[in-house]
């Protein structure tokens, strides 16, 4: 799963899976802050990503993320790095 579109879909699915309220349209330029997620939802989202990708993510790895596109890029990079390290 290295294609940006696939990763963006994974991110969207994960965000929807932990949502407790109706979310705005999940577009690549949507600001993460606009989701209003709390710390529990963030941890549930990280767990979702880890289960789906097999890669560990720390909350710190998401600190500089501003948009869904940024988040998808962080996930894509981590998955790519893990694949290279596994060789």
PDB file of N, CA and C in Angstrom:
ATOM      1  N   UNK A   1       0.839  -1.172   0.000  1.00  0.00           N
ATOM      2  CA  UNK A   1       0.000   0.000   0.000  1.00  0.00           C
ATOM      3  C   UNK A   1       0.885   1.236   0.000  1.00  0.00           C
ATOM      4  N   UNK A   2       1.367   1.612  -1.122  1.00  0.00           N
ATOM      5  CA  UNK A   2       2.213   2.795  -1.180  1.00  0.00           C
ATOM      6  C   UNK A   2       1.605   3.900  -2.017  1.00  0.00           C
ATOM      7  N   UNK A   3       0.563   3.607  -2.759  1.00  0.00           N
ATOM      8  CA  UNK A   3      -0.037   4.655  -3.569  1.00  0.00           C
ATOM      9  C   UNK A   3      -0.776   5.639  -2.675  1.00  0.00           C
ATOM     10  N   UNK A   4      -0.600   6.922  -2.982  1.00  0.00           N
ATOM     11  CA  UNK A   4      -1.170   7.971  -2.135  1.00  0.00           C
ATOM     12  C   UNK A   4      -2.683   7.840  -1.999  1.00  0.00           C
ATOM     13  N   UNK A   5      -3.373   7.517  -3.088  1.00  0.00           N
ATOM     14  CA  UNK A   5      -4.828   7.409  -3.048  1.00  0.00           C
ATOM     15  C   UNK A   5      -5.266   6.298  -2.098  1.00  0.00           C
ATOM     16  N   UNK A   6      -4.598   5.151  -2.140  1.00  0.00           N
ATOM     17  CA  UNK A   6      -4.932   4.050  -1.246  1.00  0.00           C
ATOM     18  C   UNK A   6      -4.705   4.436   0.211  1.00  0.00           C
ATOM     19  N   UNK A   7      -3.614   5.123   0.480  1.00  0.00           N
ATOM     20  CA  UNK A   7      -3.308   5.549   1.842  1.00  0.00           C
ATOM     21  C   UNK A   7      -4.321   6.585   2.307  1.00  0.00           C
ATOM     22  N   UNK A   8      -4.693   7.500   1.448  1.00  0.00           N
ATOM     23  CA  UNK A   8      -5.699   8.499   1.808  1.00  0.00           C
ATOM     24  C   UNK A   8      -7.025   7.818   2.140  1.00  0.00           C
ATOM     25  N   UNK A   9      -7.400   6.804   1.376  1.00  0.00           N
ATOM     26  CA  UNK A   9      -8.625   6.054   1.677  1.00  0.00           C
ATOM     27  C   UNK A   9      -8.516   5.349   3.025  1.00  0.00           C
ATOM     28  N   UNK A  10      -7.353   4.781   3.326  1.00  0.00           N
ATOM     29  CA  UNK A  10      -7.134   4.130   4.614  1.00  0.00           C
ATOM     30  C   UNK A  10      -7.297   5.134   5.750  1.00  0.00           C
ATOM     31  N   UNK A  11      -6.717   6.309   5.589  1.00  0.00           N
ATOM     32  CA  UNK A  11      -6.823   7.363   6.604  1.00  0.00           C
ATOM     33  C   UNK A  11      -8.286   7.760   6.796  1.00  0.00           C
ATOM     34  N   UNK A  12      -8.999   7.958   5.707  1.00  0.00           N
ATOM     35  CA  UNK A  12     -10.418   8.326   5.800  1.00  0.00           C
ATOM     36  C   UNK A  12     -11.211   7.241   6.519  1.00  0.00           C
ATOM     37  N   UNK A  13     -10.986   5.983   6.155  1.00  0.00           N
ATOM     38  CA  UNK A  13     -11.696   4.873   6.799  1.00  0.00           C
ATOM     39  C   UNK A  13     -11.414   4.844   8.294  1.00  0.00           C
ATOM     40  N   UNK A  14     -10.162   5.070   8.662  1.00  0.00           N
ATOM     41  CA  UNK A  14      -9.796   5.081  10.072  1.00  0.00           C
ATOM     42  C   UNK A  14     -10.452   6.215  10.831  1.00  0.00           C
ATOM     43  N   UNK A  15     -10.474   7.394  10.237  1.00  0.00           N
ATOM     44  CA  UNK A  15     -11.112   8.540  10.891  1.00  0.00           C
ATOM     45  C   UNK A  15     -12.605   8.300  11.077  1.00  0.00           C
ATOM     46  N   UNK A  16     -13.231   7.732  10.064  1.00  0.00           N
ATOM     47  CA  UNK A  16     -14.662   7.435  10.167  1.00  0.00           C
ATOM     48  C   UNK A  16     -14.937   6.362  11.208  1.00  0.00           C
ATOM     49  N   UNK A  17     -14.023   5.418  11.360  1.00  0.00           N
ATOM     50  CA  UNK A  17     -14.249   4.307  12.290  1.00  0.00           C
ATOM     51  C   UNK A  17     -14.241   4.745  13.749  1.00  0.00           C
ATOM     52  N   UNK A  18     -13.592   5.856  14.058  1.00  0.00           N
ATOM     53  CA  UNK A  18     -13.531   6.312  15.449  1.00  0.00           C
ATOM     54  C   UNK A  18     -14.382   7.549  15.709  1.00  0.00           C
ATOM     55  N   UNK A  19     -15.068   8.031  14.692  1.00  0.00           N
ATOM     56  CA  UNK A  19     -15.887   9.242  14.842  1.00  0.00           C
ATOM     57  C   UNK A  19     -17.079   8.981  15.753  1.00  0.00           C
ATOM     58  N   UNK A  20     -17.373   9.953  16.587  1.00  0.00           N
ATOM     59  CA  UNK A  20     -18.552   9.862  17.448  1.00  0.00           C
ATOM     60  C   UNK A  20     -19.617  10.876  17.036  1.00  0.00           C
ATOM     61  N   UNK A  21     -19.277  11.715  16.094  1.00  0.00           N
ATOM     62  CA  UNK A  21     -20.219  12.689  15.543  1.00  0.00           C
ATOM     63  C   UNK A  21     -20.086  12.657  14.028  1.00  0.00           C
ATOM     64  N   UNK A  22     -21.041  13.249  13.340  1.00  0.00           N
ATOM     65  CA  UNK A  22     -20.952  13.321  11.886  1.00  0.00           C
ATOM     66  C   UNK A  22     -19.777  14.217  11.502  1.00  0.00           C
ATOM     67  N   UNK A  23     -18.975  13.730  10.582  1.00  0.00           N
ATOM     68  CA  UNK A  23     -17.794  14.475  10.154  1.00  0.00           C
ATOM     69  C   UNK A  23     -18.089  15.271   8.893  1.00  0.00           C
ATOM     70  N   UNK A  24     -17.320  16.344   8.680  1.00  0.00           N
ATOM     71  CA  UNK A  24     -17.440  17.054   7.403  1.00  0.00           C
ATOM     72  C   UNK A  24     -16.907  16.147   6.291  1.00  0.00           C
ATOM     73  N   UNK A  25     -17.080  16.571   5.056  1.00  0.00           N
ATOM     74  CA  UNK A  25     -16.534  15.796   3.943  1.00  0.00           C
ATOM     75  C   UNK A  25     -15.019  15.670   4.122  1.00  0.00           C
ATOM     76  N   UNK A  26     -14.527  14.445   4.015  1.00  0.00           N
ATOM     77  CA  UNK A  26     -13.107  14.183   4.232  1.00  0.00           C
ATOM     78  C   UNK A  26     -12.330  14.368   2.930  1.00  0.00           C
ATOM     79  N   UNK A  27     -11.901  15.594   2.706  1.00  0.00           N
ATOM     80  CA  UNK A  27     -11.127  15.933   1.514  1.00  0.00           C
ATOM     81  C   UNK A  27      -9.653  16.042   1.900  1.00  0.00           C
ATOM     82  N   UNK A  28      -8.737  15.897   0.946  1.00  0.00           N
ATOM     83  CA  UNK A  28      -7.313  15.964   1.272  1.00  0.00           C
ATOM     84  C   UNK A  28      -6.892  17.255   1.969  1.00  0.00           C
ATOM     85  N   UNK A  29      -7.565  18.360   1.682  1.00  0.00           N
ATOM     86  CA  UNK A  29      -7.167  19.632   2.284  1.00  0.00           C
ATOM     87  C   UNK A  29      -7.894  19.951   3.589  1.00  0.00           C
ATOM     88  N   UNK A  30      -8.698  19.016   4.090  1.00  0.00           N
ATOM     89  CA  UNK A  30      -9.401  19.236   5.362  1.00  0.00           C
ATOM     90  C   UNK A  30      -8.389  19.331   6.498  1.00  0.00           C
ATOM     91  N   UNK A  31      -8.532  20.358   7.312  1.00  0.00           N
ATOM     92  CA  UNK A  31      -7.660  20.543   8.472  1.00  0.00           C
ATOM     93  C   UNK A  31      -8.013  19.507   9.540  1.00  0.00           C
ATOM     94  N   UNK A  32      -7.007  18.820  10.053  1.00  0.00           N
ATOM     95  CA  UNK A  32      -7.212  17.807  11.089  1.00  0.00           C
ATOM     96  C   UNK A  32      -7.885  18.429  12.313  1.00  0.00           C
ATOM     97  N   UNK A  33      -7.526  19.648  12.655  1.00  0.00           N
ATOM     98  CA  UNK A  33      -8.108  20.323  13.819  1.00  0.00           C
ATOM     99  C   UNK A  33      -9.622  20.468  13.687  1.00  0.00           C
ATOM    100  N   UNK A  34     -10.123  20.532  12.456  1.00  0.00           N
ATOM    101  CA  UNK A  34     -11.560  20.688  12.234  1.00  0.00           C
ATOM    102  C   UNK A  34     -12.354  19.438  12.597  1.00  0.00           C
ATOM    103  N   UNK A  35     -11.668  18.313  12.806  1.00  0.00           N
ATOM    104  CA  UNK A  35     -12.362  17.076  13.169  1.00  0.00           C
ATOM    105  C   UNK A  35     -12.784  17.076  14.631  1.00  0.00           C
ATOM    106  N   UNK A  36     -12.079  17.834  15.468  1.00  0.00           N
ATOM    107  CA  UNK A  36     -12.431  17.929  16.874  1.00  0.00           C
ATOM    108  C   UNK A  36     -12.216  16.644  17.658  1.00  0.00           C
ATOM    109  N   UNK A  37     -11.281  15.818  17.227  1.00  0.00           N
ATOM    110  CA  UNK A  37     -11.030  14.553  17.921  1.00  0.00           C
ATOM    111  C   UNK A  37     -10.372  14.802  19.266  1.00  0.00           C
ATOM    112  N   UNK A  38     -10.734  13.964  20.240  1.00  0.00           N
ATOM    113  CA  UNK A  38     -10.104  14.032  21.551  1.00  0.00           C
ATOM    114  C   UNK A  38      -8.960  13.017  21.612  1.00  0.00           C
ATOM    115  N   UNK A  39      -8.282  12.948  22.742  1.00  0.00           N
ATOM    116  CA  UNK A  39      -7.115  12.068  22.852  1.00  0.00           C
ATOM    117  C   UNK A  39      -7.489  10.595  22.714  1.00  0.00           C
ATOM    118  N   UNK A  40      -8.650  10.207  23.199  1.00  0.00           N
ATOM    119  CA  UNK A  40      -9.084   8.810  23.079  1.00  0.00           C
ATOM    120  C   UNK A  40      -9.308   8.455  21.610  1.00  0.00           C
ATOM    121  N   UNK A  41      -9.971   9.321  20.886  1.00  0.00           N
ATOM    122  CA  UNK A  41     -10.200   9.069  19.462  1.00  0.00           C
ATOM    123  C   UNK A  41      -8.878   9.025  18.693  1.00  0.00           C
ATOM    124  N   UNK A  42      -7.949   9.884  19.070  1.00  0.00           N
ATOM    125  CA  UNK A  42      -6.647   9.880  18.413  1.00  0.00           C
ATOM    126  C   UNK A  42      -5.939   8.552  18.640  1.00  0.00           C
ATOM    127  N   UNK A  43      -5.975   8.045  19.865  1.00  0.00           N
ATOM    128  CA  UNK A  43      -5.340   6.758  20.155  1.00  0.00           C
ATOM    129  C   UNK A  43      -6.055   5.618  19.429  1.00  0.00           C
ATOM    130  N   UNK A  44      -7.372   5.668  19.363  1.00  0.00           N
ATOM    131  CA  UNK A  44      -8.114   4.644  18.620  1.00  0.00           C
ATOM    132  C   UNK A  44      -7.745   4.689  17.140  1.00  0.00           C
ATOM    133  N   UNK A  45      -7.573   5.883  16.610  1.00  0.00           N
ATOM    134  CA  UNK A  45      -7.176   6.038  15.216  1.00  0.00           C
ATOM    135  C   UNK A  45      -5.777   5.472  14.987  1.00  0.00           C
ATOM    136  N   UNK A  46      -4.844   5.766  15.887  1.00  0.00           N
ATOM    137  CA  UNK A  46      -3.492   5.223  15.758  1.00  0.00           C
ATOM    138  C   UNK A  46      -3.512   3.699  15.819  1.00  0.00           C
ATOM    139  N   UNK A  47      -4.328   3.144  16.694  1.00  0.00           N
ATOM    140  CA  UNK A  47      -4.462   1.689  16.783  1.00  0.00           C
ATOM    141  C   UNK A  47      -4.995   1.127  15.477  1.00  0.00           C
ATOM    142  N   UNK A  48      -5.979   1.785  14.898  1.00  0.00           N
ATOM    143  CA  UNK A  48      -6.523   1.366  13.602  1.00  0.00           C
ATOM    144  C   UNK A  48      -5.411   1.344  12.549  1.00  0.00           C
ATOM    145  N   UNK A  49      -4.635   2.423  12.475  1.00  0.00           N
ATOM    146  CA  UNK A  49      -3.552   2.486  11.491  1.00  0.00           C
ATOM    147  C   UNK A  49      -2.544   1.364  11.704  1.00  0.00           C
ATOM    148  N   UNK A  50      -2.189   1.119  12.958  1.00  0.00           N
ATOM    149  CA  UNK A  50      -1.218   0.072  13.262  1.00  0.00           C
ATOM    150  C   UNK A  50      -1.741  -1.302  12.868  1.00  0.00           C
ATOM    151  N   UNK A  51      -3.014  -1.561  13.139  1.00  0.00           N
ATOM    152  CA  UNK A  51      -3.598  -2.852  12.780  1.00  0.00           C
ATOM    153  C   UNK A  51      -3.675  -3.029  11.269  1.00  0.00           C
ATOM    154  N   UNK A  52      -3.982  -1.975  10.554  1.00  0.00           N
ATOM    155  CA  UNK A  52      -4.140  -2.059   9.103  1.00  0.00           C
ATOM    156  C   UNK A  52      -2.810  -2.099   8.352  1.00  0.00           C
ATOM    157  N   UNK A  53      -1.785  -1.459   8.906  1.00  0.00           N
ATOM    158  CA  UNK A  53      -0.513  -1.358   8.186  1.00  0.00           C
ATOM    159  C   UNK A  53       0.594  -2.236   8.757  1.00  0.00           C
ATOM    160  N   UNK A  54       0.464  -2.627  10.022  1.00  0.00           N
ATOM    161  CA  UNK A  54       1.536  -3.372  10.674  1.00  0.00           C
ATOM    162  C   UNK A  54       2.694  -2.484  11.102  1.00  0.00           C
ATOM    163  N   UNK A  55       2.495  -1.180  11.071  1.00  0.00           N
ATOM    164  CA  UNK A  55       3.523  -0.201  11.429  1.00  0.00           C
ATOM    165  C   UNK A  55       3.077   0.529  12.689  1.00  0.00           C
ATOM    166  N   UNK A  56       4.017   0.752  13.621  1.00  0.00           N
ATOM    167  CA  UNK A  56       3.695   1.486  14.844  1.00  0.00           C
ATOM    168  C   UNK A  56       3.795   2.988  14.601  1.00  0.00           C
ATOM    169  N   UNK A  57       2.827   3.708  15.131  1.00  0.00           N
ATOM    170  CA  UNK A  57       2.803   5.168  15.036  1.00  0.00           C
ATOM    171  C   UNK A  57       2.719   5.729  16.445  1.00  0.00           C
ATOM    172  N   UNK A  58       3.496   6.753  16.724  1.00  0.00           N
ATOM    173  CA  UNK A  58       3.392   7.422  18.017  1.00  0.00           C
ATOM    174  C   UNK A  58       2.568   8.684  17.826  1.00  0.00           C
ATOM    175  N   UNK A  59       1.899   9.127  18.880  1.00  0.00           N
ATOM    176  CA  UNK A  59       1.171  10.396  18.763  1.00  0.00           C
ATOM    177  C   UNK A  59       2.098  11.532  18.318  1.00  0.00           C
ATOM    178  N   UNK A  60       3.356  11.456  18.721  1.00  0.00           N
ATOM    179  CA  UNK A  60       4.327  12.493  18.348  1.00  0.00           C
ATOM    180  C   UNK A  60       4.526  12.556  16.831  1.00  0.00           C
ATOM    181  N   UNK A  61       4.401  11.407  16.151  1.00  0.00           N
ATOM    182  CA  UNK A  61       4.607  11.384  14.698  1.00  0.00           C
ATOM    183  C   UNK A  61       3.548  12.191  13.958  1.00  0.00           C
ATOM    184  N   UNK A  62       2.464  12.493  14.642  1.00  0.00           N
ATOM    185  CA  UNK A  62       1.370  13.233  14.013  1.00  0.00           C
ATOM    186  C   UNK A  62       1.330  14.705  14.418  1.00  0.00           C
ATOM    187  N   UNK A  63       2.281  15.134  15.239  1.00  0.00           N
ATOM    188  CA  UNK A  63       2.243  16.488  15.791  1.00  0.00           C
ATOM    189  C   UNK A  63       2.306  17.588  14.734  1.00  0.00           C
ATOM    190  N   UNK A  64       2.966  17.362  13.629  1.00  0.00           N
ATOM    191  CA  UNK A  64       3.119  18.411  12.618  1.00  0.00           C
ATOM    192  C   UNK A  64       2.094  18.304  11.495  1.00  0.00           C
ATOM    193  N   UNK A  65       1.231  17.326  11.585  1.00  0.00           N
ATOM    194  CA  UNK A  65       0.230  17.098  10.545  1.00  0.00           C
ATOM    195  C   UNK A  65      -0.854  18.165  10.638  1.00  0.00           C
ATOM    196  N   UNK A  66      -1.185  18.773   9.501  1.00  0.00           N
ATOM    197  CA  UNK A  66      -2.237  19.786   9.487  1.00  0.00           C
ATOM    198  C   UNK A  66      -3.462  19.357   8.690  1.00  0.00           C
ATOM    199  N   UNK A  67      -3.258  18.641   7.586  1.00  0.00           N
ATOM    200  CA  UNK A  67      -4.377  18.255   6.717  1.00  0.00           C
ATOM    201  C   UNK A  67      -4.425  16.738   6.539  1.00  0.00           C
ATOM    202  N   UNK A  68      -5.523  16.263   5.961  1.00  0.00           N
ATOM    203  CA  UNK A  68      -5.619  14.833   5.669  1.00  0.00           C
ATOM    204  C   UNK A  68      -4.520  14.402   4.707  1.00  0.00           C
ATOM    205  N   UNK A  69      -4.184  15.240   3.749  1.00  0.00           N
ATOM    206  CA  UNK A  69      -3.102  14.911   2.816  1.00  0.00           C
ATOM    207  C   UNK A  69      -1.776  14.762   3.559  1.00  0.00           C
ATOM    208  N   UNK A  70      -1.511  15.640   4.523  1.00  0.00           N
ATOM    209  CA  UNK A  70      -0.296  15.526   5.341  1.00  0.00           C
ATOM    210  C   UNK A  70      -0.291  14.206   6.101  1.00  0.00           C
ATOM    211  N   UNK A  71      -1.421  13.867   6.675  1.00  0.00           N
ATOM    212  CA  UNK A  71      -1.547  12.634   7.443  1.00  0.00           C
ATOM    213  C   UNK A  71      -1.311  11.418   6.554  1.00  0.00           C
ATOM    214  N   UNK A  72      -1.898  11.431   5.377  1.00  0.00           N
ATOM    215  CA  UNK A  72      -1.697  10.322   4.438  1.00  0.00           C
ATOM    216  C   UNK A  72      -0.225  10.201   4.064  1.00  0.00           C
ATOM    217  N   UNK A  73       0.464  11.312   3.919  1.00  0.00           N
ATOM    218  CA  UNK A  73       1.890  11.279   3.576  1.00  0.00           C
ATOM    219  C   UNK A  73       2.719  10.697   4.715  1.00  0.00           C
ATOM    220  N   UNK A  74       2.395  11.038   5.958  1.00  0.00           N
ATOM    221  CA  UNK A  74       3.098  10.465   7.111  1.00  0.00           C
ATOM    222  C   UNK A  74       2.910   8.949   7.130  1.00  0.00           C
ATOM    223  N   UNK A  75       1.683   8.497   6.904  1.00  0.00           N
ATOM    224  CA  UNK A  75       1.398   7.058   6.894  1.00  0.00           C
ATOM    225  C   UNK A  75       2.139   6.389   5.739  1.00  0.00           C
ATOM    226  N   UNK A  76       2.068   6.972   4.548  1.00  0.00           N
ATOM    227  CA  UNK A  76       2.737   6.391   3.386  1.00  0.00           C
ATOM    228  C   UNK A  76       4.238   6.275   3.616  1.00  0.00           C
ATOM    229  N   UNK A  77       4.837   7.313   4.158  1.00  0.00           N
ATOM    230  CA  UNK A  77       6.276   7.296   4.424  1.00  0.00           C
ATOM    231  C   UNK A  77       6.645   6.229   5.445  1.00  0.00           C
ATOM    232  N   UNK A  78       5.866   6.123   6.508  1.00  0.00           N
ATOM    233  CA  UNK A  78       6.150   5.129   7.546  1.00  0.00           C
ATOM    234  C   UNK A  78       6.033   3.711   7.002  1.00  0.00           C
ATOM    235  N   UNK A  79       5.025   3.467   6.179  1.00  0.00           N
ATOM    236  CA  UNK A  79       4.841   2.139   5.585  1.00  0.00           C
ATOM    237  C   UNK A  79       5.995   1.833   4.634  1.00  0.00           C
ATOM    238  N   UNK A  80       6.391   2.804   3.837  1.00  0.00           N
ATOM    239  CA  UNK A  80       7.514   2.613   2.906  1.00  0.00           C
ATOM    240  C   UNK A  80       8.814   2.343   3.657  1.00  0.00           C
ATOM    241  N   UNK A  81       9.067   3.113   4.716  1.00  0.00           N
ATOM    242  CA  UNK A  81      10.280   2.919   5.513  1.00  0.00           C
ATOM    243  C   UNK A  81      10.292   1.549   6.169  1.00  0.00           C
ATOM    244  N   UNK A  82       9.146   1.100   6.662  1.00  0.00           N
ATOM    245  CA  UNK A  82       9.062  -0.222   7.288  1.00  0.00           C
ATOM    246  C   UNK A  82       9.323  -1.323   6.269  1.00  0.00           C
ATOM    247  N   UNK A  83       8.837  -1.137   5.052  1.00  0.00           N
ATOM    248  CA  UNK A  83       9.051  -2.134   4.001  1.00  0.00           C
ATOM    249  C   UNK A  83      10.531  -2.222   3.633  1.00  0.00           C
ATOM    250  N   UNK A  84      11.203  -1.081   3.559  1.00  0.00           N
ATOM    251  CA  UNK A  84      12.632  -1.068   3.239  1.00  0.00           C
ATOM    252  C   UNK A  84      13.428  -1.715   4.373  1.00  0.00           C
ATOM    253  N   UNK A  85      13.079  -1.396   5.609  1.00  0.00           N
ATOM    254  CA  UNK A  85      13.788  -1.948   6.764  1.00  0.00           C
ATOM    255  C   UNK A  85      13.608  -3.457   6.877  1.00  0.00           C
ATOM    256  N   UNK A  86      12.491  -3.959   6.394  1.00  0.00           N
ATOM    257  CA  UNK A  86      12.202  -5.393   6.486  1.00  0.00           C
ATOM    258  C   UNK A  86      12.990  -6.210   5.465  1.00  0.00           C
ATOM    259  N   UNK A  87      13.591  -5.556   4.495  1.00  0.00           N
ATOM    260  CA  UNK A  87      14.350  -6.281   3.452  1.00  0.00           C
ATOM    261  C   UNK A  87      15.675  -6.757   3.954  1.00  0.00           C
TER     262      UNK A  87
END
